[in-house]
Amino acid sequence: MLGCWRAASAISAGSGRLPGCVRGRRRLSMAKSKFEYVRDFEADDTCLPNCWIVVRLDGRNFHRFSEQHEFKKPNDDRALHLMTKCAQTVMQELEDIAIAYGQSDEYSFVFKKKSRWFKRRASKFMTHVVSQFASSYVFYWKDYFKDQQLLYPPGFDGRIVLYPSNQNLKDYLSWRQADCHINNLYNTVFWMLVQRSGLTPVQAQDRLQGTLAGDKNEILFSEFNINYNNEPLMYRKGTVLIWQKINEVMTKKIKLPKETEEKEVEVTRTRTKVVPLHCDIIGDQFWEEYPEILAEDS
């Protein structure tokens, strides 16, 4: 680099000749072909400024996938924890994600309002999230399904939506959590009717047709002695992923003054990690407890 600077200085001194390193760089930056016009057909997909960028992915044909891989019904902890592991991997790779929320076979990733990643190109946000998630699902499969071979690679589709205000974003996440509750309550009753009452899937579906939440709760309690409110929060509320500072105690070898040998001492180190929570995000308590999620971009 220093040689290039000296050579370039010679130009101003009157040599009139570009050094080789500069000439090569110039040829590279000016290289064009007659085919380059095809770039004009590329659509501008830059996300609007000052908007939360939400990428939501869903499992493709996961009903069939879960059957062929013998997922437990109505909820399989292995599958849910694997989904969360994949989502954590995405957040660790794409650090501009402020919060993520997942349930069943879907996950939503919220990029900061002011994010400049990928020049705010929607296609880049979506493809990076979906590809990282899908590859992680295959990579970590054996960690969670130790006795179940992965028969074929899963597929995920993605979409991107922009939300201009904090309230819009909170309402979106509330919508997804409400959907989690509705689906899980239905599935819990449905599979109890199939697994414990011996109904066929069609009969269970007919039994639940037209029932409200109170009716489903009554069936669970009166027929199966199940209080839905005592079901695991992960099933009822889904999983929220946020960044948190965690104090980790580590053992480190150091050599003290006037000591001949190293000694092991405990040191505390603060790290920012992606932490899963199973809690309500529809009410105000969560947002009051973690104001930093929205504070930077409010």
Protein backbone atom coordinates (compact mmCIF):
# COMPACT_ATOMS: atom_id res chain seq x y z
CA MET A 1 0.00 0.00 0.00
CA LEU A 2 2.89 2.36 0.84
CA GLY A 3 4.48 1.58 -2.52
CA CYS A 4 1.24 2.52 -4.29
CA TRP A 5 1.12 5.83 -2.40
CA ARG A 6 4.68 6.68 -3.42
CA ALA A 7 4.03 5.69 -6.99
CA ALA A 8 0.84 7.75 -7.09
CA SER A 9 2.77 10.72 -5.72
CA ALA A 10 5.09 10.46 -8.70
CA ILE A 11 2.15 11.29 -10.96
CA SER A 12 1.72 14.70 -9.36
CA ALA A 13 5.45 15.20 -9.71
CA GLY A 14 5.08 15.04 -13.44
CA SER A 15 5.78 11.43 -14.38
CA GLY A 16 2.42 11.18 -16.15
CA ARG A 17 2.29 7.40 -15.81
CA LEU A 18 -0.01 5.42 -13.50
CA PRO A 19 1.70 2.75 -11.38
CA GLY A 20 0.69 -0.85 -12.07
CA CYS A 21 -1.28 -1.29 -8.84
CA VAL A 22 -3.38 1.79 -9.59
CA ARG A 23 -3.86 0.86 -13.25
CA GLY A 24 -5.05 -2.64 -12.21
CA ARG A 25 -7.51 -1.25 -9.68
CA ARG A 26 -8.82 1.24 -12.21
CA ARG A 27 -9.41 -1.47 -14.81
CA LEU A 28 -11.31 -3.51 -12.20
CA SER A 29 -13.62 -0.67 -11.15
CA MET A 30 -14.35 0.33 -14.75
CA ALA A 31 -14.86 -3.21 -16.07
CA LYS A 32 -18.21 -3.50 -17.85
CA SER A 33 -19.80 -5.71 -20.46
CA LYS A 34 -22.64 -5.33 -22.89
CA PHE A 35 -24.68 -7.71 -20.72
CA GLU A 36 -24.67 -5.47 -17.67
CA TYR A 37 -27.93 -3.83 -18.72
CA VAL A 38 -29.82 -6.81 -17.25
CA ARG A 39 -29.31 -5.27 -13.80
CA ASP A 40 -31.91 -2.67 -14.78
CA PHE A 41 -34.56 -5.36 -14.35
CA GLU A 42 -33.79 -5.78 -10.63
CA ALA A 43 -36.59 -4.36 -8.49
CA ASP A 44 -35.79 -1.91 -5.72
CA ASP A 45 -36.84 -3.66 -2.52
CA THR A 46 -35.38 -1.22 0.00
CA CYS A 47 -37.44 -1.21 3.19
CA LEU A 48 -39.03 2.09 4.19
CA PRO A 49 -37.02 4.08 6.76
CA ASN A 50 -38.01 4.34 10.42
CA CYS A 51 -39.99 1.11 10.37
CA TRP A 52 -39.58 -2.08 12.34
CA ILE A 53 -38.64 -4.85 9.92
CA VAL A 54 -40.32 -8.15 10.81
CA VAL A 55 -39.34 -11.40 9.13
CA ARG A 56 -41.73 -14.26 9.90
CA LEU A 57 -40.94 -17.79 8.83
CA ASP A 58 -43.20 -20.83 8.89
CA GLY A 59 -42.50 -24.51 8.44
CA ARG A 60 -43.50 -25.71 4.99
CA ASN A 61 -45.77 -28.80 5.05
CA PHE A 62 -44.89 -29.29 8.71
CA HIS A 63 -48.06 -31.28 9.38
CA ARG A 64 -46.65 -34.03 7.18
CA PHE A 65 -43.11 -33.47 8.46
CA SER A 66 -44.20 -33.84 12.10
CA GLU A 67 -46.11 -37.05 11.36
CA GLN A 68 -43.26 -38.70 9.48
CA HIS A 69 -40.81 -37.78 12.24
CA GLU A 70 -43.20 -38.94 14.98
CA PHE A 71 -43.59 -35.68 16.88
CA LYS A 72 -45.45 -36.06 20.16
CA LYS A 73 -48.93 -34.52 20.24
CA PRO A 74 -50.11 -31.95 21.12
CA ASN A 75 -46.63 -30.58 21.90
CA ASP A 76 -43.18 -32.03 21.44
CA ASP A 77 -40.58 -30.41 23.67
CA ARG A 78 -37.80 -31.59 21.39
CA ALA A 79 -39.25 -29.82 18.39
CA LEU A 80 -40.00 -26.62 20.30
CA HIS A 81 -36.51 -26.46 21.82
CA LEU A 82 -34.94 -27.14 18.42
CA MET A 83 -36.91 -24.25 16.90
CA THR A 84 -35.69 -21.97 19.69
CA LYS A 85 -32.08 -23.09 19.22
CA CYS A 86 -32.32 -22.22 15.53
CA ALA A 87 -33.82 -18.83 16.35
CA GLN A 88 -31.03 -18.12 18.84
CA THR A 89 -28.50 -18.97 16.15
CA VAL A 90 -30.16 -16.50 13.77
CA MET A 91 -30.04 -13.74 16.39
CA GLN A 92 -26.40 -14.42 17.19
CA GLU A 93 -25.53 -14.14 13.51
CA LEU A 94 -27.74 -11.11 12.83
CA GLU A 95 -27.20 -8.92 15.88
CA ASP A 96 -29.54 -6.14 14.71
CA ILE A 97 -32.52 -8.28 15.71
CA ALA A 98 -34.09 -6.63 18.76
CA ILE A 99 -36.53 -9.38 19.73
CA ALA A 100 -37.92 -12.65 18.36
CA TYR A 101 -41.08 -14.60 19.12
CA GLY A 102 -41.88 -18.20 18.26
CA GLN A 103 -44.59 -20.82 18.64
CA SER A 104 -45.27 -24.16 16.99
CA ASP A 105 -43.45 -24.12 13.62
CA GLU A 106 -43.13 -20.36 13.21
CA TYR A 107 -40.77 -17.62 14.38
CA SER A 108 -40.85 -13.84 13.97
CA PHE A 109 -37.64 -11.79 13.98
CA VAL A 110 -37.81 -8.04 14.58
CA PHE A 111 -34.99 -5.92 13.18
CA LYS A 112 -34.40 -2.49 14.67
CA LYS A 113 -36.08 0.52 13.11
CA LYS A 114 -32.77 2.12 12.27
CA SER A 115 -31.04 -1.03 11.05
CA ARG A 116 -28.74 -0.49 8.07
CA TRP A 117 -27.95 -4.16 7.59
CA PHE A 118 -28.05 -5.32 3.96
CA LYS A 119 -28.78 -1.68 2.97
CA ARG A 120 -32.32 -2.43 4.22
CA ARG A 121 -33.04 -4.68 1.26
CA ALA A 122 -36.09 -6.83 2.04
CA SER A 123 -34.88 -9.80 0.01
CA LYS A 124 -31.60 -9.88 1.93
CA PHE A 125 -33.28 -9.76 5.33
CA MET A 126 -35.66 -12.56 4.42
CA THR A 127 -33.20 -14.89 2.69
CA HIS A 128 -30.53 -14.54 5.38
CA VAL A 129 -33.00 -15.33 8.17
CA VAL A 130 -34.69 -18.27 6.43
CA SER A 131 -31.48 -19.87 5.15
CA GLN A 132 -29.70 -19.54 8.51
CA PHE A 133 -32.72 -21.00 10.31
CA ALA A 134 -33.20 -23.92 7.92
CA SER A 135 -29.52 -24.90 7.93
CA SER A 136 -29.45 -24.69 11.74
CA TYR A 137 -32.49 -26.97 11.94
CA VAL A 138 -30.62 -29.69 10.08
CA PHE A 139 -27.33 -29.02 11.88
CA TYR A 140 -28.80 -29.25 15.41
CA TRP A 141 -31.38 -31.97 14.72
CA LYS A 142 -29.38 -34.76 16.40
CA ASP A 143 -28.95 -32.69 19.57
CA TYR A 144 -32.69 -32.84 20.18
CA PHE A 145 -33.92 -35.92 18.29
CA LYS A 146 -31.24 -38.35 19.39
CA ASP A 147 -33.16 -41.50 18.43
CA GLN A 148 -34.98 -40.14 15.39
CA GLN A 149 -33.22 -39.94 12.04
CA LEU A 150 -33.91 -36.88 9.90
CA LEU A 151 -35.65 -38.44 6.91
CA TYR A 152 -35.51 -35.41 4.65
CA PRO A 153 -34.58 -31.73 4.98
CA PRO A 154 -37.34 -29.42 6.23
CA GLY A 155 -38.51 -26.38 4.31
CA PHE A 156 -39.44 -22.92 5.58
CA ASP A 157 -41.13 -20.02 3.84
CA GLY A 158 -40.74 -16.41 4.86
CA ARG A 159 -42.43 -13.06 4.54
CA ILE A 160 -41.48 -9.54 5.53
CA VAL A 161 -43.73 -6.84 7.00
CA LEU A 162 -42.91 -3.27 8.07
CA TYR A 163 -44.45 -1.63 11.14
CA PRO A 164 -44.02 2.14 11.55
CA SER A 165 -44.78 2.54 15.27
CA ASN A 166 -43.95 0.80 18.52
CA GLN A 167 -47.64 0.18 19.13
CA ASN A 168 -47.99 -1.48 15.71
CA LEU A 169 -45.11 -3.80 16.59
CA LYS A 170 -46.53 -4.64 20.03
CA ASP A 171 -49.91 -5.38 18.46
CA TYR A 172 -48.25 -7.68 15.92
CA LEU A 173 -46.48 -9.67 18.63
CA SER A 174 -49.70 -9.74 20.68
CA TRP A 175 -51.51 -11.16 17.66
CA ARG A 176 -48.97 -13.97 17.33
CA GLN A 177 -49.18 -14.81 21.04
CA ALA A 178 -52.99 -14.78 20.97
CA ASP A 179 -52.77 -17.17 18.01
CA CYS A 180 -50.50 -19.42 20.09
CA HIS A 181 -53.09 -19.59 22.89
CA ILE A 182 -56.01 -20.28 20.55
CA ASN A 183 -54.19 -23.03 18.65
CA ASN A 184 -52.70 -24.69 21.72
CA LEU A 185 -55.99 -24.79 23.61
CA TYR A 186 -57.69 -26.41 20.63
CA ASN A 187 -54.86 -28.90 20.06
CA THR A 188 -54.71 -29.84 23.75
CA VAL A 189 -58.41 -30.72 23.86
CA PHE A 190 -58.34 -32.36 20.42
CA TRP A 191 -55.52 -34.75 21.27
CA MET A 192 -56.98 -35.60 24.68
CA LEU A 193 -60.18 -36.67 22.92
CA VAL A 194 -58.17 -38.78 20.47
CA GLN A 195 -55.56 -40.24 22.82
CA ARG A 196 -57.61 -40.76 25.99
CA SER A 197 -61.23 -40.91 24.87
CA GLY A 198 -60.55 -43.02 21.79
CA LEU A 199 -62.25 -40.68 19.32
CA THR A 200 -61.10 -40.62 15.72
CA PRO A 201 -59.65 -37.30 14.49
CA VAL A 202 -62.87 -36.64 12.56
CA GLN A 203 -65.02 -37.36 15.62
CA ALA A 204 -62.85 -35.10 17.79
CA GLN A 205 -63.11 -32.33 15.21
CA ASP A 206 -66.90 -32.68 15.13
CA ARG A 207 -67.05 -32.63 18.93
CA LEU A 208 -65.15 -29.33 19.07
CA GLN A 209 -66.92 -27.61 16.20
CA GLY A 210 -68.57 -24.40 17.40
CA THR A 211 -67.10 -24.56 20.92
CA LEU A 212 -65.71 -21.48 22.64
CA ALA A 213 -62.64 -21.22 24.89
CA GLY A 214 -64.78 -21.78 27.99
CA ASP A 215 -66.25 -24.94 26.50
CA LYS A 216 -62.81 -26.34 25.74
CA ASN A 217 -61.59 -25.56 29.24
CA GLU A 218 -64.64 -27.32 30.67
CA ILE A 219 -64.00 -30.45 28.59
CA LEU A 220 -60.38 -30.57 29.76
CA PHE A 221 -61.32 -30.16 33.42
CA SER A 222 -64.46 -32.28 33.65
CA GLU A 223 -63.36 -35.16 31.42
CA PHE A 224 -59.58 -35.25 31.89
CA ASN A 225 -59.01 -33.38 35.18
CA ILE A 226 -56.72 -30.92 33.38
CA ASN A 227 -56.58 -27.25 34.38
CA TYR A 228 -55.38 -25.54 31.22
CA ASN A 229 -53.83 -22.72 33.25
CA ASN A 230 -51.42 -25.26 34.73
CA GLU A 231 -50.09 -26.32 31.33
CA PRO A 232 -46.44 -25.30 30.68
CA LEU A 233 -46.00 -21.64 29.78
CA MET A 234 -43.97 -22.59 26.73
CA TYR A 235 -47.06 -24.25 25.27
CA ARG A 236 -49.51 -21.51 26.24
CA LYS A 237 -47.37 -18.40 25.68
CA GLY A 238 -44.74 -19.43 23.17
CA THR A 239 -41.10 -18.32 23.40
CA VAL A 240 -39.71 -14.79 23.49
CA LEU A 241 -36.02 -14.23 22.71
CA ILE A 242 -34.30 -11.09 23.97
CA TRP A 243 -30.76 -9.86 24.58
CA GLN A 244 -29.68 -9.85 28.21
CA LYS A 245 -26.45 -9.15 30.05
CA ILE A 246 -25.44 -12.25 31.98
CA ASN A 247 -22.73 -12.48 34.64
CA GLU A 248 -20.67 -15.62 34.18
CA VAL A 249 -18.27 -16.90 36.82
CA MET A 250 -15.15 -18.40 35.27
CA THR A 251 -12.02 -20.01 36.63
CA LYS A 252 -8.82 -18.40 35.40
CA LYS A 253 -5.18 -19.18 36.08
CA ILE A 254 -3.10 -16.16 37.07
CA LYS A 255 0.34 -15.63 38.53
CA LEU A 256 0.35 -13.31 41.51
CA PRO A 257 3.31 -11.06 42.36
CA LYS A 258 6.01 -12.82 44.31
CA GLU A 259 4.42 -16.18 43.57
CA THR A 260 6.26 -18.89 41.67
CA GLU A 261 3.22 -20.88 40.56
CA GLU A 262 -0.05 -19.97 38.90
CA LYS A 263 -3.19 -20.06 40.99
CA GLU A 264 -6.78 -20.61 39.96
CA VAL A 265 -9.08 -17.72 40.81
CA GLU A 266 -12.73 -17.08 40.03
CA VAL A 267 -13.50 -14.05 37.86
CA THR A 268 -16.86 -12.66 36.81
CA ARG A 269 -17.37 -11.68 33.20
CA THR A 270 -20.44 -9.92 31.78
CA ARG A 271 -21.67 -11.17 28.42
CA THR A 272 -24.67 -10.26 26.29
CA LYS A 273 -26.57 -13.41 25.34
CA VAL A 274 -29.83 -14.39 23.68
CA VAL A 275 -32.16 -15.53 26.46
CA PRO A 276 -35.48 -17.41 26.04
CA LEU A 277 -38.49 -16.34 28.09
CA HIS A 278 -41.96 -17.85 28.39
CA CYS A 279 -44.18 -15.00 29.47
CA ASP A 280 -47.07 -12.75 28.52
CA ILE A 281 -46.21 -10.00 26.02
CA ILE A 282 -49.76 -8.76 25.42
CA GLY A 283 -49.95 -6.76 28.64
CA ASP A 284 -47.72 -3.84 29.65
CA GLN A 285 -45.64 -5.64 32.30
CA PHE A 286 -43.19 -7.22 29.85
CA TRP A 287 -42.51 -3.93 28.05
CA GLU A 288 -42.10 -2.06 31.33
CA GLU A 289 -39.64 -4.68 32.55
CA TYR A 290 -37.59 -4.60 29.33
CA PRO A 291 -37.92 -1.00 28.04
CA GLU A 292 -34.59 -1.20 26.22
CA ILE A 293 -36.16 -3.31 23.46
CA LEU A 294 -38.07 -0.31 22.14
CA ALA A 295 -36.10 2.54 23.74
CA GLU A 296 -33.37 2.86 21.12
CA ASP A 297 -35.84 3.20 18.28
CA SER A 298 -38.73 4.96 20.00
